Amino acid sequence: MTALGITLSRNGRHEEAIRLLSEVAKRRPGLASVQADLAMALFSGGQLEESIWGFSEALRLDPRSAQAQCGLGLAYQRLERWQEAAEAFRLTELLAPDQAVGPFNLGLVLGALGEHGEARRALLRAAALAPNDGEIQEALASLVTQPTSAEAAACAHFSGDLGSFGLPEILEFMRIQQKTGSLVLSSRQGAGVVRLVQGRLTSVSAPGVQRLGETLVSRGIISRADLEAALAIQRAELRQTSEALGSVLLRKRPGDRERLNQAVLQQIFDGLAEMLGWREGTFSFHPGTPAEIPSISFDTQSVVMELFRMTDDDNPSRSSST
């Protein structure tokens, strides 16, 4: 009977589904999943207040029901009770951390509340769990390409205030627009530079982070002479933006591809992690000449999502509160 009721609801026969699932709920009043199924049928049938009661009853019977918690959030969301919806979706994410539905809906609700930074973070977490979900990608792109008025001005001039437009959002905008050039960030901690080609990351430098060449020499991957030769090539060809040091070295040392890849990626992580904490300062983007994607480059969105995962792993209390 439960399966039939769910099928009827999915087919739009809401009144029949509600009658059938109500009968099941009367027969099995102590089963949380039955109450949740009935509540979902009520929700689908537009009986939102009744569905909230049903989801709440399911949670009373089973406080760890992610299904009921998510349904509760959806009902609050439909009623535009945004704060209650946000709390329900936060709990959904805690109960089902491997599912994208919690952070995805949380991102939508936070966007409606105007909390764009937190909304983007939630949607990035959802995208990390479901990287091929077009709906998540569309929601994430919408937050970047349709920012608030202050953010829109920053995007139009490719410069702005880090207090209102954070590094992850800027990078996502650059990725979507497939920008080539240098993103310069300045704060009290110093200045950092993020270089991109067609929206892909090629290198990052930041205060306190050892330069890539020095790292490669200290690890014994290349010699000091190799480094000086590669830097000379960069200076001679004036291709610092289009071809970063790692790619120049790879042309001369193709057998070291894996070690060079790992070293460049680690430096990018280290540099972005340093600048991710900057809450005050400015940014400006300086376009470069069009160029082919270099041999060592990284998908910007994947790097940012991995950086968030690494940051949350290092700060479990923050992860549980977002």
C-alpha atoms as a PDB file:
ATOM      1  CA  MET A   1       0.000   0.000   0.000  1.00  0.00           C
ATOM      2  CA  THR A   2       2.853   2.376   0.810  1.00  0.00           C
ATOM      3  CA  ALA A   3       4.494   1.815  -2.574  1.00  0.00           C
ATOM      4  CA  LEU A   4       1.176   2.377  -4.326  1.00  0.00           C
ATOM      5  CA  GLY A   5       0.587   5.586  -2.403  1.00  0.00           C
ATOM      6  CA  ILE A   6       4.032   6.916  -3.325  1.00  0.00           C
ATOM      7  CA  THR A   7       3.432   6.011  -6.995  1.00  0.00           C
ATOM      8  CA  LEU A   8       0.045   7.755  -7.008  1.00  0.00           C
ATOM      9  CA  SER A   9       1.622  10.876  -5.536  1.00  0.00           C
ATOM     10  CA  ARG A  10       4.402  10.900  -8.124  1.00  0.00           C
ATOM     11  CA  ASN A  11       1.775  10.590 -10.863  1.00  0.00           C
ATOM     12  CA  GLY A  12      -0.064  13.637  -9.567  1.00  0.00           C
ATOM     13  CA  ARG A  13      -2.988  11.740  -8.031  1.00  0.00           C
ATOM     14  CA  HIS A  14      -2.480  13.471  -4.715  1.00  0.00           C
ATOM     15  CA  GLU A  15      -5.885  12.992  -3.102  1.00  0.00           C
ATOM     16  CA  GLU A  16      -5.822   9.238  -3.683  1.00  0.00           C
ATOM     17  CA  ALA A  17      -2.234   9.054  -2.429  1.00  0.00           C
ATOM     18  CA  ILE A  18      -3.033  11.001   0.732  1.00  0.00           C
ATOM     19  CA  ARG A  19      -6.073   8.794   1.513  1.00  0.00           C
ATOM     20  CA  LEU A  20      -4.084   5.613   1.013  1.00  0.00           C
ATOM     21  CA  LEU A  21      -1.018   6.741   2.968  1.00  0.00           C
ATOM     22  CA  SER A  22      -3.208   8.117   5.770  1.00  0.00           C
ATOM     23  CA  GLU A  23      -4.679   4.649   6.157  1.00  0.00           C
ATOM     24  CA  VAL A  24      -1.185   3.135   6.292  1.00  0.00           C
ATOM     25  CA  ALA A  25      -0.148   5.715   8.899  1.00  0.00           C
ATOM     26  CA  LYS A  26      -3.159   4.825  11.081  1.00  0.00           C
ATOM     27  CA  ARG A  27      -2.199   1.164  10.959  1.00  0.00           C
ATOM     28  CA  ARG A  28       1.481   1.836  11.680  1.00  0.00           C
ATOM     29  CA  PRO A  29       1.534   5.034  13.763  1.00  0.00           C
ATOM     30  CA  GLY A  30       4.973   4.401  15.244  1.00  0.00           C
ATOM     31  CA  LEU A  31       6.873   4.081  11.966  1.00  0.00           C
ATOM     32  CA  ALA A  32       8.739   7.266  11.017  1.00  0.00           C
ATOM     33  CA  SER A  33       9.156   6.392   7.333  1.00  0.00           C
ATOM     34  CA  VAL A  34       5.392   5.978   6.906  1.00  0.00           C
ATOM     35  CA  GLN A  35       4.752   9.371   8.484  1.00  0.00           C
ATOM     36  CA  ALA A  36       7.393  10.899   6.220  1.00  0.00           C
ATOM     37  CA  ASP A  37       5.838   9.337   3.109  1.00  0.00           C
ATOM     38  CA  LEU A  38       2.430  10.726   4.078  1.00  0.00           C
ATOM     39  CA  ALA A  39       3.938  14.140   4.766  1.00  0.00           C
ATOM     40  CA  MET A  40       5.614  14.143   1.345  1.00  0.00           C
ATOM     41  CA  ALA A  41       2.293  13.323  -0.320  1.00  0.00           C
ATOM     42  CA  LEU A  42       0.695  16.217   1.572  1.00  0.00           C
ATOM     43  CA  PHE A  43       3.538  18.467   0.453  1.00  0.00           C
ATOM     44  CA  SER A  44       3.165  17.401  -3.184  1.00  0.00           C
ATOM     45  CA  GLY A  45      -0.588  18.014  -2.919  1.00  0.00           C
ATOM     46  CA  GLY A  46      -0.039  21.579  -1.731  1.00  0.00           C
ATOM     47  CA  GLN A  47      -1.106  20.970   1.865  1.00  0.00           C
ATOM     48  CA  LEU A  48       2.008  22.581   3.269  1.00  0.00           C
ATOM     49  CA  GLU A  49       1.023  23.208   6.888  1.00  0.00           C
ATOM     50  CA  GLU A  50      -0.244  19.643   7.200  1.00  0.00           C
ATOM     51  CA  SER A  51       2.995  18.346   5.683  1.00  0.00           C
ATOM     52  CA  ILE A  52       5.026  20.298   8.259  1.00  0.00           C
ATOM     53  CA  TRP A  53       3.080  18.546  11.016  1.00  0.00           C
ATOM     54  CA  GLY A  54       3.712  15.199   9.317  1.00  0.00           C
ATOM     55  CA  PHE A  55       7.446  15.729   8.882  1.00  0.00           C
ATOM     56  CA  SER A  56       7.686  16.923  12.494  1.00  0.00           C
ATOM     57  CA  GLU A  57       5.904  13.771  13.660  1.00  0.00           C
ATOM     58  CA  ALA A  58       8.315  11.630  11.614  1.00  0.00           C
ATOM     59  CA  LEU A  59      11.247  13.419  13.248  1.00  0.00           C
ATOM     60  CA  ARG A  60       9.740  12.878  16.690  1.00  0.00           C
ATOM     61  CA  LEU A  61       9.739   9.153  15.945  1.00  0.00           C
ATOM     62  CA  ASP A  62      13.171   9.202  14.312  1.00  0.00           C
ATOM     63  CA  PRO A  63      15.241  12.356  14.911  1.00  0.00           C
ATOM     64  CA  ARG A  64      17.911  11.101  12.483  1.00  0.00           C
ATOM     65  CA  SER A  65      15.602  10.845   9.475  1.00  0.00           C
ATOM     66  CA  ALA A  66      17.282  12.862   6.729  1.00  0.00           C
ATOM     67  CA  GLN A  67      14.221  12.274   4.529  1.00  0.00           C
ATOM     68  CA  ALA A  68      11.896  13.941   7.039  1.00  0.00           C
ATOM     69  CA  GLN A  69      14.334  16.756   7.787  1.00  0.00           C
ATOM     70  CA  CYS A  70      14.725  17.554   4.090  1.00  0.00           C
ATOM     71  CA  GLY A  71      10.974  17.415   3.543  1.00  0.00           C
ATOM     72  CA  LEU A  72      10.483  19.817   6.428  1.00  0.00           C
ATOM     73  CA  GLY A  73      12.957  22.197   4.817  1.00  0.00           C
ATOM     74  CA  LEU A  74      11.163  21.980   1.469  1.00  0.00           C
ATOM     75  CA  ALA A  75       7.833  22.839   3.099  1.00  0.00           C
ATOM     76  CA  TYR A  76       9.321  25.820   4.923  1.00  0.00           C
ATOM     77  CA  GLN A  77      11.020  26.879   1.689  1.00  0.00           C
ATOM     78  CA  ARG A  78       7.737  26.766  -0.240  1.00  0.00           C
ATOM     79  CA  LEU A  79       6.139  28.930   2.453  1.00  0.00           C
ATOM     80  CA  GLU A  80       9.138  31.326   2.279  1.00  0.00           C
ATOM     81  CA  ARG A  81       9.945  30.713   5.920  1.00  0.00           C
ATOM     82  CA  TRP A  82      13.594  31.040   4.975  1.00  0.00           C
ATOM     83  CA  GLN A  83      15.309  30.876   8.369  1.00  0.00           C
ATOM     84  CA  GLU A  84      13.443  27.722   9.369  1.00  0.00           C
ATOM     85  CA  ALA A  85      14.151  26.204   5.969  1.00  0.00           C
ATOM     86  CA  ALA A  86      17.865  26.984   6.293  1.00  0.00           C
ATOM     87  CA  GLU A  87      18.058  25.292   9.695  1.00  0.00           C
ATOM     88  CA  ALA A  88      16.244  22.217   8.370  1.00  0.00           C
ATOM     89  CA  PHE A  89      18.633  21.903   5.419  1.00  0.00           C
ATOM     90  CA  ARG A  90      21.670  22.386   7.677  1.00  0.00           C
ATOM     91  CA  LEU A  91      20.443  19.435   9.725  1.00  0.00           C
ATOM     92  CA  THR A  92      19.772  17.475   6.527  1.00  0.00           C
ATOM     93  CA  GLU A  93      23.404  17.946   5.516  1.00  0.00           C
ATOM     94  CA  LEU A  94      24.576  16.786   8.935  1.00  0.00           C
ATOM     95  CA  LEU A  95      22.355  13.683   8.791  1.00  0.00           C
ATOM     96  CA  ALA A  96      23.280  12.810   5.193  1.00  0.00           C
ATOM     97  CA  PRO A  97      26.764  14.257   4.560  1.00  0.00           C
ATOM     98  CA  ASP A  98      27.234  12.133   1.445  1.00  0.00           C
ATOM     99  CA  GLN A  99      24.108  13.496  -0.256  1.00  0.00           C
ATOM    100  CA  ALA A 100      23.985  16.739  -2.252  1.00  0.00           C
ATOM    101  CA  VAL A 101      20.331  17.492  -1.490  1.00  0.00           C
ATOM    102  CA  GLY A 102      21.078  19.171   1.864  1.00  0.00           C
ATOM    103  CA  PRO A 103      23.770  21.661   0.799  1.00  0.00           C
ATOM    104  CA  PHE A 104      22.047  22.271  -2.538  1.00  0.00           C
ATOM    105  CA  ASN A 105      18.762  23.376  -0.980  1.00  0.00           C
ATOM    106  CA  LEU A 106      20.626  25.205   1.766  1.00  0.00           C
ATOM    107  CA  GLY A 107      22.445  27.188  -0.922  1.00  0.00           C
ATOM    108  CA  LEU A 108      19.162  28.143  -2.586  1.00  0.00           C
ATOM    109  CA  VAL A 109      17.653  29.296   0.699  1.00  0.00           C
ATOM    110  CA  LEU A 110      20.735  31.263   1.736  1.00  0.00           C
ATOM    111  CA  GLY A 111      20.701  32.925  -1.668  1.00  0.00           C
ATOM    112  CA  ALA A 112      17.095  33.984  -1.070  1.00  0.00           C
ATOM    113  CA  LEU A 113      18.193  35.408   2.290  1.00  0.00           C
ATOM    114  CA  GLY A 114      20.913  37.441   0.569  1.00  0.00           C
ATOM    115  CA  GLU A 115      23.743  35.501   2.235  1.00  0.00           C
ATOM    116  CA  HIS A 116      25.560  35.018  -1.056  1.00  0.00           C
ATOM    117  CA  GLY A 117      28.938  34.000   0.334  1.00  0.00           C
ATOM    118  CA  GLU A 118      27.504  31.204   2.461  1.00  0.00           C
ATOM    119  CA  ALA A 119      25.171  30.233  -0.379  1.00  0.00           C
ATOM    120  CA  ARG A 120      28.121  29.749  -2.712  1.00  0.00           C
ATOM    121  CA  ARG A 121      29.963  27.687  -0.128  1.00  0.00           C
ATOM    122  CA  ALA A 122      26.935  25.420   0.291  1.00  0.00           C
ATOM    123  CA  LEU A 123      26.528  25.019  -3.459  1.00  0.00           C
ATOM    124  CA  LEU A 124      30.226  24.243  -3.848  1.00  0.00           C
ATOM    125  CA  ARG A 125      29.833  21.475  -1.269  1.00  0.00           C
ATOM    126  CA  ALA A 126      26.855  20.165  -3.232  1.00  0.00           C
ATOM    127  CA  ALA A 127      28.825  20.316  -6.482  1.00  0.00           C
ATOM    128  CA  ALA A 128      31.660  18.363  -4.870  1.00  0.00           C
ATOM    129  CA  LEU A 129      29.212  15.570  -4.044  1.00  0.00           C
ATOM    130  CA  ALA A 130      27.410  15.673  -7.413  1.00  0.00           C
ATOM    131  CA  PRO A 131      29.833  17.223  -9.933  1.00  0.00           C
ATOM    132  CA  ASN A 132      27.662  16.287 -12.935  1.00  0.00           C
ATOM    133  CA  ASP A 133      24.393  17.683 -11.601  1.00  0.00           C
ATOM    134  CA  GLY A 134      23.316  20.386 -14.042  1.00  0.00           C
ATOM    135  CA  GLU A 135      20.830  21.956 -11.631  1.00  0.00           C
ATOM    136  CA  ILE A 136      23.541  22.520  -9.034  1.00  0.00           C
ATOM    137  CA  GLN A 137      25.906  23.959 -11.626  1.00  0.00           C
ATOM    138  CA  GLU A 138      23.180  26.289 -12.905  1.00  0.00           C
ATOM    139  CA  ALA A 139      22.417  27.533  -9.380  1.00  0.00           C
ATOM    140  CA  LEU A 140      26.108  28.106  -8.686  1.00  0.00           C
ATOM    141  CA  ALA A 141      26.625  29.957 -11.954  1.00  0.00           C
ATOM    142  CA  SER A 142      23.548  32.086 -11.282  1.00  0.00           C
ATOM    143  CA  LEU A 143      24.946  33.294  -7.979  1.00  0.00           C
ATOM    144  CA  VAL A 144      28.196  34.268  -9.678  1.00  0.00           C
ATOM    145  CA  THR A 145      26.830  35.831 -12.854  1.00  0.00           C
ATOM    146  CA  GLN A 146      23.927  37.615 -11.152  1.00  0.00           C
ATOM    147  CA  PRO A 147      25.518  39.129  -8.021  1.00  0.00           C
ATOM    148  CA  THR A 148      24.225  41.886  -5.777  1.00  0.00           C
ATOM    149  CA  SER A 149      24.518  45.489  -6.969  1.00  0.00           C
ATOM    150  CA  ALA A 150      27.816  46.046  -5.138  1.00  0.00           C
ATOM    151  CA  GLU A 151      29.211  42.814  -6.521  1.00  0.00           C
ATOM    152  CA  ALA A 152      27.974  43.616 -10.015  1.00  0.00           C
ATOM    153  CA  ALA A 153      29.985  46.817 -10.026  1.00  0.00           C
ATOM    154  CA  ALA A 154      33.059  44.875  -8.909  1.00  0.00           C
ATOM    155  CA  CYS A 155      32.609  42.350 -11.712  1.00  0.00           C
ATOM    156  CA  ALA A 156      32.039  45.041 -14.335  1.00  0.00           C
ATOM    157  CA  HIS A 157      35.391  46.643 -13.568  1.00  0.00           C
ATOM    158  CA  PHE A 158      37.181  43.416 -12.628  1.00  0.00           C
ATOM    159  CA  SER A 159      38.185  44.982  -9.361  1.00  0.00           C
ATOM    160  CA  GLY A 160      36.606  45.411  -5.985  1.00  0.00           C
ATOM    161  CA  ASP A 161      36.596  44.811  -2.263  1.00  0.00           C
ATOM    162  CA  LEU A 162      37.373  41.399  -0.773  1.00  0.00           C
ATOM    163  CA  GLY A 163      34.951  42.143   2.043  1.00  0.00           C
ATOM    164  CA  SER A 164      31.990  41.916  -0.328  1.00  0.00           C
ATOM    165  CA  PHE A 165      33.268  39.540  -2.994  1.00  0.00           C
ATOM    166  CA  GLY A 166      35.374  36.615  -1.805  1.00  0.00           C
ATOM    167  CA  LEU A 167      38.144  34.754  -3.587  1.00  0.00           C
ATOM    168  CA  PRO A 168      36.091  31.588  -4.379  1.00  0.00           C
ATOM    169  CA  GLU A 169      33.379  33.667  -6.057  1.00  0.00           C
ATOM    170  CA  ILE A 170      35.914  35.643  -8.079  1.00  0.00           C
ATOM    171  CA  LEU A 171      37.622  32.449  -9.242  1.00  0.00           C
ATOM    172  CA  GLU A 172      34.310  30.862 -10.189  1.00  0.00           C
ATOM    173  CA  PHE A 173      33.456  33.941 -12.247  1.00  0.00           C
ATOM    174  CA  MET A 174      36.840  33.724 -13.975  1.00  0.00           C
ATOM    175  CA  ARG A 175      36.265  30.037 -14.696  1.00  0.00           C
ATOM    176  CA  ILE A 176      32.829  30.594 -16.197  1.00  0.00           C
ATOM    177  CA  GLN A 177      34.092  33.499 -18.303  1.00  0.00           C
ATOM    178  CA  GLN A 178      37.226  31.512 -19.283  1.00  0.00           C
ATOM    179  CA  LYS A 179      39.454  34.463 -18.446  1.00  0.00           C
ATOM    180  CA  THR A 180      43.167  34.612 -19.194  1.00  0.00           C
ATOM    181  CA  GLY A 181      45.364  36.886 -17.106  1.00  0.00           C
ATOM    182  CA  SER A 182      46.450  37.691 -13.558  1.00  0.00           C
ATOM    183  CA  LEU A 183      44.201  38.195 -10.558  1.00  0.00           C
ATOM    184  CA  VAL A 184      45.984  40.386  -8.000  1.00  0.00           C
ATOM    185  CA  LEU A 185      44.824  40.454  -4.374  1.00  0.00           C
ATOM    186  CA  SER A 186      46.122  43.000  -1.867  1.00  0.00           C
ATOM    187  CA  SER A 187      45.595  43.046   1.885  1.00  0.00           C
ATOM    188  CA  ARG A 188      47.413  43.914   5.091  1.00  0.00           C
ATOM    189  CA  GLN A 189      49.149  40.547   4.807  1.00  0.00           C
ATOM    190  CA  GLY A 190      50.664  41.521   1.461  1.00  0.00           C
ATOM    191  CA  ALA A 191      49.886  40.849  -2.183  1.00  0.00           C
ATOM    192  CA  GLY A 192      49.093  37.603  -3.960  1.00  0.00           C
ATOM    193  CA  VAL A 193      48.755  36.718  -7.621  1.00  0.00           C
ATOM    194  CA  VAL A 194      46.584  34.035  -9.233  1.00  0.00           C
ATOM    195  CA  ARG A 195      47.333  33.301 -12.890  1.00  0.00           C
ATOM    196  CA  LEU A 196      44.767  31.757 -15.180  1.00  0.00           C
ATOM    197  CA  VAL A 197      44.542  30.636 -18.786  1.00  0.00           C
ATOM    198  CA  GLN A 198      41.054  30.152 -20.254  1.00  0.00           C
ATOM    199  CA  GLY A 199      39.696  30.004 -16.726  1.00  0.00           C
ATOM    200  CA  ARG A 200      42.142  27.316 -15.571  1.00  0.00           C
ATOM    201  CA  LEU A 201      44.663  27.812 -12.776  1.00  0.00           C
ATOM    202  CA  THR A 202      48.318  27.759 -13.767  1.00  0.00           C
ATOM    203  CA  SER A 203      50.089  29.244 -10.733  1.00  0.00           C
ATOM    204  CA  VAL A 204      49.564  31.106  -7.466  1.00  0.00           C
ATOM    205  CA  SER A 205      51.930  33.179  -5.375  1.00  0.00           C
ATOM    206  CA  ALA A 206      51.118  34.508  -1.912  1.00  0.00           C
ATOM    207  CA  PRO A 207      52.909  35.959   1.123  1.00  0.00           C
ATOM    208  CA  GLY A 208      54.576  33.317   3.247  1.00  0.00           C
ATOM    209  CA  VAL A 209      54.353  30.664   0.518  1.00  0.00           C
ATOM    210  CA  GLN A 210      57.675  29.599  -0.951  1.00  0.00           C
ATOM    211  CA  ARG A 211      58.009  30.306  -4.649  1.00  0.00           C
ATOM    212  CA  LEU A 212      57.634  27.308  -6.920  1.00  0.00           C
ATOM    213  CA  GLY A 213      61.188  27.424  -8.248  1.00  0.00           C
ATOM    214  CA  GLU A 214      62.701  27.471  -4.768  1.00  0.00           C
ATOM    215  CA  THR A 215      60.440  24.587  -3.731  1.00  0.00           C
ATOM    216  CA  LEU A 216      61.523  22.491  -6.705  1.00  0.00           C
ATOM    217  CA  VAL A 217      65.187  23.168  -5.989  1.00  0.00           C
ATOM    218  CA  SER A 218      64.850  22.406  -2.257  1.00  0.00           C
ATOM    219  CA  ARG A 219      63.121  19.103  -3.049  1.00  0.00           C
ATOM    220  CA  GLY A 220      65.824  18.132  -5.507  1.00  0.00           C
ATOM    221  CA  ILE A 221      63.383  17.953  -8.423  1.00  0.00           C
ATOM    222  CA  ILE A 222      65.474  20.446 -10.417  1.00  0.00           C
ATOM    223  CA  SER A 223      68.878  22.034  -9.970  1.00  0.00           C
ATOM    224  CA  ARG A 224      69.579  25.724  -9.426  1.00  0.00           C
ATOM    225  CA  ALA A 225      70.926  25.855 -12.985  1.00  0.00           C
ATOM    226  CA  ASP A 226      67.680  24.329 -14.328  1.00  0.00           C
ATOM    227  CA  LEU A 227      65.681  26.995 -12.489  1.00  0.00           C
ATOM    228  CA  GLU A 228      67.794  29.867 -13.800  1.00  0.00           C
ATOM    229  CA  ALA A 229      67.496  28.540 -17.346  1.00  0.00           C
ATOM    230  CA  ALA A 230      63.707  28.249 -17.107  1.00  0.00           C
ATOM    231  CA  LEU A 231      63.392  31.757 -15.683  1.00  0.00           C
ATOM    232  CA  ALA A 232      65.540  33.060 -18.513  1.00  0.00           C
ATOM    233  CA  ILE A 233      63.169  31.460 -21.029  1.00  0.00           C
ATOM    234  CA  GLN A 234      60.215  33.153 -19.337  1.00  0.00           C
ATOM    235  CA  ARG A 235      61.907  36.542 -19.441  1.00  0.00           C
ATOM    236  CA  ALA A 236      63.007  36.145 -23.061  1.00  0.00           C
ATOM    237  CA  GLU A 237      59.629  35.007 -24.340  1.00  0.00           C
ATOM    238  CA  LEU A 238      57.595  37.385 -22.140  1.00  0.00           C
ATOM    239  CA  ARG A 239      55.124  34.590 -21.507  1.00  0.00           C
ATOM    240  CA  GLN A 240      54.904  34.669 -17.722  1.00  0.00           C
ATOM    241  CA  THR A 241      51.108  34.777 -17.816  1.00  0.00           C
ATOM    242  CA  SER A 242      50.464  32.341 -20.654  1.00  0.00           C
ATOM    243  CA  GLU A 243      53.084  29.806 -19.645  1.00  0.00           C
ATOM    244  CA  ALA A 244      53.933  29.419 -15.991  1.00  0.00           C
ATOM    245  CA  LEU A 245      57.217  28.077 -14.673  1.00  0.00           C
ATOM    246  CA  GLY A 246      55.995  24.498 -14.291  1.00  0.00           C
ATOM    247  CA  SER A 247      55.041  24.279 -17.972  1.00  0.00           C
ATOM    248  CA  VAL A 248      58.357  25.790 -19.067  1.00  0.00           C
ATOM    249  CA  LEU A 249      60.224  23.196 -17.029  1.00  0.00           C
ATOM    250  CA  LEU A 250      58.068  20.394 -18.395  1.00  0.00           C
ATOM    251  CA  ARG A 251      59.167  21.193 -21.940  1.00  0.00           C
ATOM    252  CA  LYS A 252      62.748  20.468 -20.901  1.00  0.00           C
ATOM    253  CA  ARG A 253      61.966  17.659 -18.452  1.00  0.00           C
ATOM    254  CA  PRO A 254      58.975  15.641 -19.753  1.00  0.00           C
ATOM    255  CA  GLY A 255      59.926  12.698 -17.567  1.00  0.00           C
ATOM    256  CA  ASP A 256      59.221  14.764 -14.453  1.00  0.00           C
ATOM    257  CA  ARG A 257      55.586  15.476 -15.373  1.00  0.00           C
ATOM    258  CA  GLU A 258      54.074  13.813 -12.292  1.00  0.00           C
ATOM    259  CA  ARG A 259      56.428  15.477  -9.811  1.00  0.00           C
ATOM    260  CA  LEU A 260      56.039  18.869 -11.485  1.00  0.00           C
ATOM    261  CA  ASN A 261      52.261  18.512 -11.534  1.00  0.00           C
ATOM    262  CA  GLN A 262      52.143  17.681  -7.838  1.00  0.00           C
ATOM    263  CA  ALA A 263      54.515  20.508  -6.902  1.00  0.00           C
ATOM    264  CA  VAL A 264      52.555  23.120  -8.861  1.00  0.00           C
ATOM    265  CA  LEU A 265      49.224  21.885  -7.504  1.00  0.00           C
ATOM    266  CA  GLN A 266      50.506  21.953  -3.931  1.00  0.00           C
ATOM    267  CA  GLN A 267      51.747  25.504  -4.357  1.00  0.00           C
ATOM    268  CA  ILE A 268      48.374  26.529  -5.755  1.00  0.00           C
ATOM    269  CA  PHE A 269      46.655  24.964  -2.729  1.00  0.00           C
ATOM    270  CA  ASP A 270      49.052  26.674  -0.319  1.00  0.00           C
ATOM    271  CA  GLY A 271      48.677  30.072  -1.975  1.00  0.00           C
ATOM    272  CA  LEU A 272      44.888  29.940  -2.189  1.00  0.00           C
ATOM    273  CA  ALA A 273      44.625  28.701   1.402  1.00  0.00           C
ATOM    274  CA  GLU A 274      46.632  31.702   2.552  1.00  0.00           C
ATOM    275  CA  MET A 275      44.472  34.196   0.645  1.00  0.00           C
ATOM    276  CA  LEU A 276      41.212  32.456   1.487  1.00  0.00           C
ATOM    277  CA  GLY A 277      41.427  33.900   4.988  1.00  0.00           C
ATOM    278  CA  TRP A 278      41.727  37.492   3.782  1.00  0.00           C
ATOM    279  CA  ARG A 279      38.565  39.329   4.784  1.00  0.00           C
ATOM    280  CA  GLU A 280      39.855  42.822   4.036  1.00  0.00           C
ATOM    281  CA  GLY A 281      41.615  44.110   0.963  1.00  0.00           C
ATOM    282  CA  THR A 282      41.092  44.595  -2.743  1.00  0.00           C
ATOM    283  CA  PHE A 283      41.317  42.569  -5.931  1.00  0.00           C
ATOM    284  CA  SER A 284      41.910  43.488  -9.556  1.00  0.00           C
ATOM    285  CA  PHE A 285      42.059  41.399 -12.694  1.00  0.00           C
ATOM    286  CA  HIS A 286      44.580  42.171 -15.436  1.00  0.00           C
ATOM    287  CA  PRO A 287      43.735  40.462 -18.748  1.00  0.00           C
ATOM    288  CA  GLY A 288      46.488  38.641 -20.586  1.00  0.00           C
ATOM    289  CA  THR A 289      46.883  37.859 -24.266  1.00  0.00           C
ATOM    290  CA  PRO A 290      44.834  34.884 -25.520  1.00  0.00           C
ATOM    291  CA  ALA A 291      46.794  31.658 -25.174  1.00  0.00           C
ATOM    292  CA  GLU A 292      46.444  27.916 -25.476  1.00  0.00           C
ATOM    293  CA  ILE A 293      45.944  26.000 -22.254  1.00  0.00           C
ATOM    294  CA  PRO A 294      49.433  25.145 -20.958  1.00  0.00           C
ATOM    295  CA  SER A 295      50.611  21.628 -20.301  1.00  0.00           C
ATOM    296  CA  ILE A 296      50.330  22.108 -16.531  1.00  0.00           C
ATOM    297  CA  SER A 297      47.028  23.657 -15.503  1.00  0.00           C
ATOM    298  CA  PHE A 298      44.142  22.745 -13.230  1.00  0.00           C
ATOM    299  CA  ASP A 299      40.367  23.003 -13.284  1.00  0.00           C
ATOM    300  CA  THR A 300      39.558  25.975 -11.074  1.00  0.00           C
ATOM    301  CA  GLN A 301      36.310  24.644  -9.667  1.00  0.00           C
ATOM    302  CA  SER A 302      37.845  21.279  -8.759  1.00  0.00           C
ATOM    303  CA  VAL A 303      40.737  22.991  -6.970  1.00  0.00           C
ATOM    304  CA  VAL A 304      38.416  25.294  -4.989  1.00  0.00           C
ATOM    305  CA  MET A 305      36.145  22.415  -3.971  1.00  0.00           C
ATOM    306  CA  GLU A 306      39.124  20.317  -2.873  1.00  0.00           C
ATOM    307  CA  LEU A 307      40.455  23.304  -0.942  1.00  0.00           C
ATOM    308  CA  PHE A 308      37.132  23.589   0.888  1.00  0.00           C
ATOM    309  CA  ARG A 309      37.254  19.878   1.713  1.00  0.00           C
ATOM    310  CA  MET A 310      40.795  20.196   3.049  1.00  0.00           C
ATOM    311  CA  THR A 311      39.859  23.281   5.086  1.00  0.00           C
ATOM    312  CA  ASP A 312      36.797  21.592   6.566  1.00  0.00           C
ATOM    313  CA  ASP A 313      38.830  18.496   7.442  1.00  0.00           C
ATOM    314  CA  ASP A 314      41.248  20.731   9.353  1.00  0.00           C
ATOM    315  CA  ASN A 315      38.375  22.555  11.092  1.00  0.00           C
ATOM    316  CA  PRO A 316      35.643  19.985  11.882  1.00  0.00           C
ATOM    317  CA  SER A 317      33.747  22.402  14.111  1.00  0.00           C
ATOM    318  CA  ARG A 318      33.331  24.834  11.225  1.00  0.00           C
ATOM    319  CA  SER A 319      32.253  22.072   8.906  1.00  0.00           C
ATOM    320  CA  SER A 320      29.482  21.026  11.281  1.00  0.00           C
ATOM    321  CA  SER A 321      28.213  24.555  11.654  1.00  0.00           C
ATOM    322  CA  THR A 322      27.826  25.412   7.975  1.00  0.00           C
END
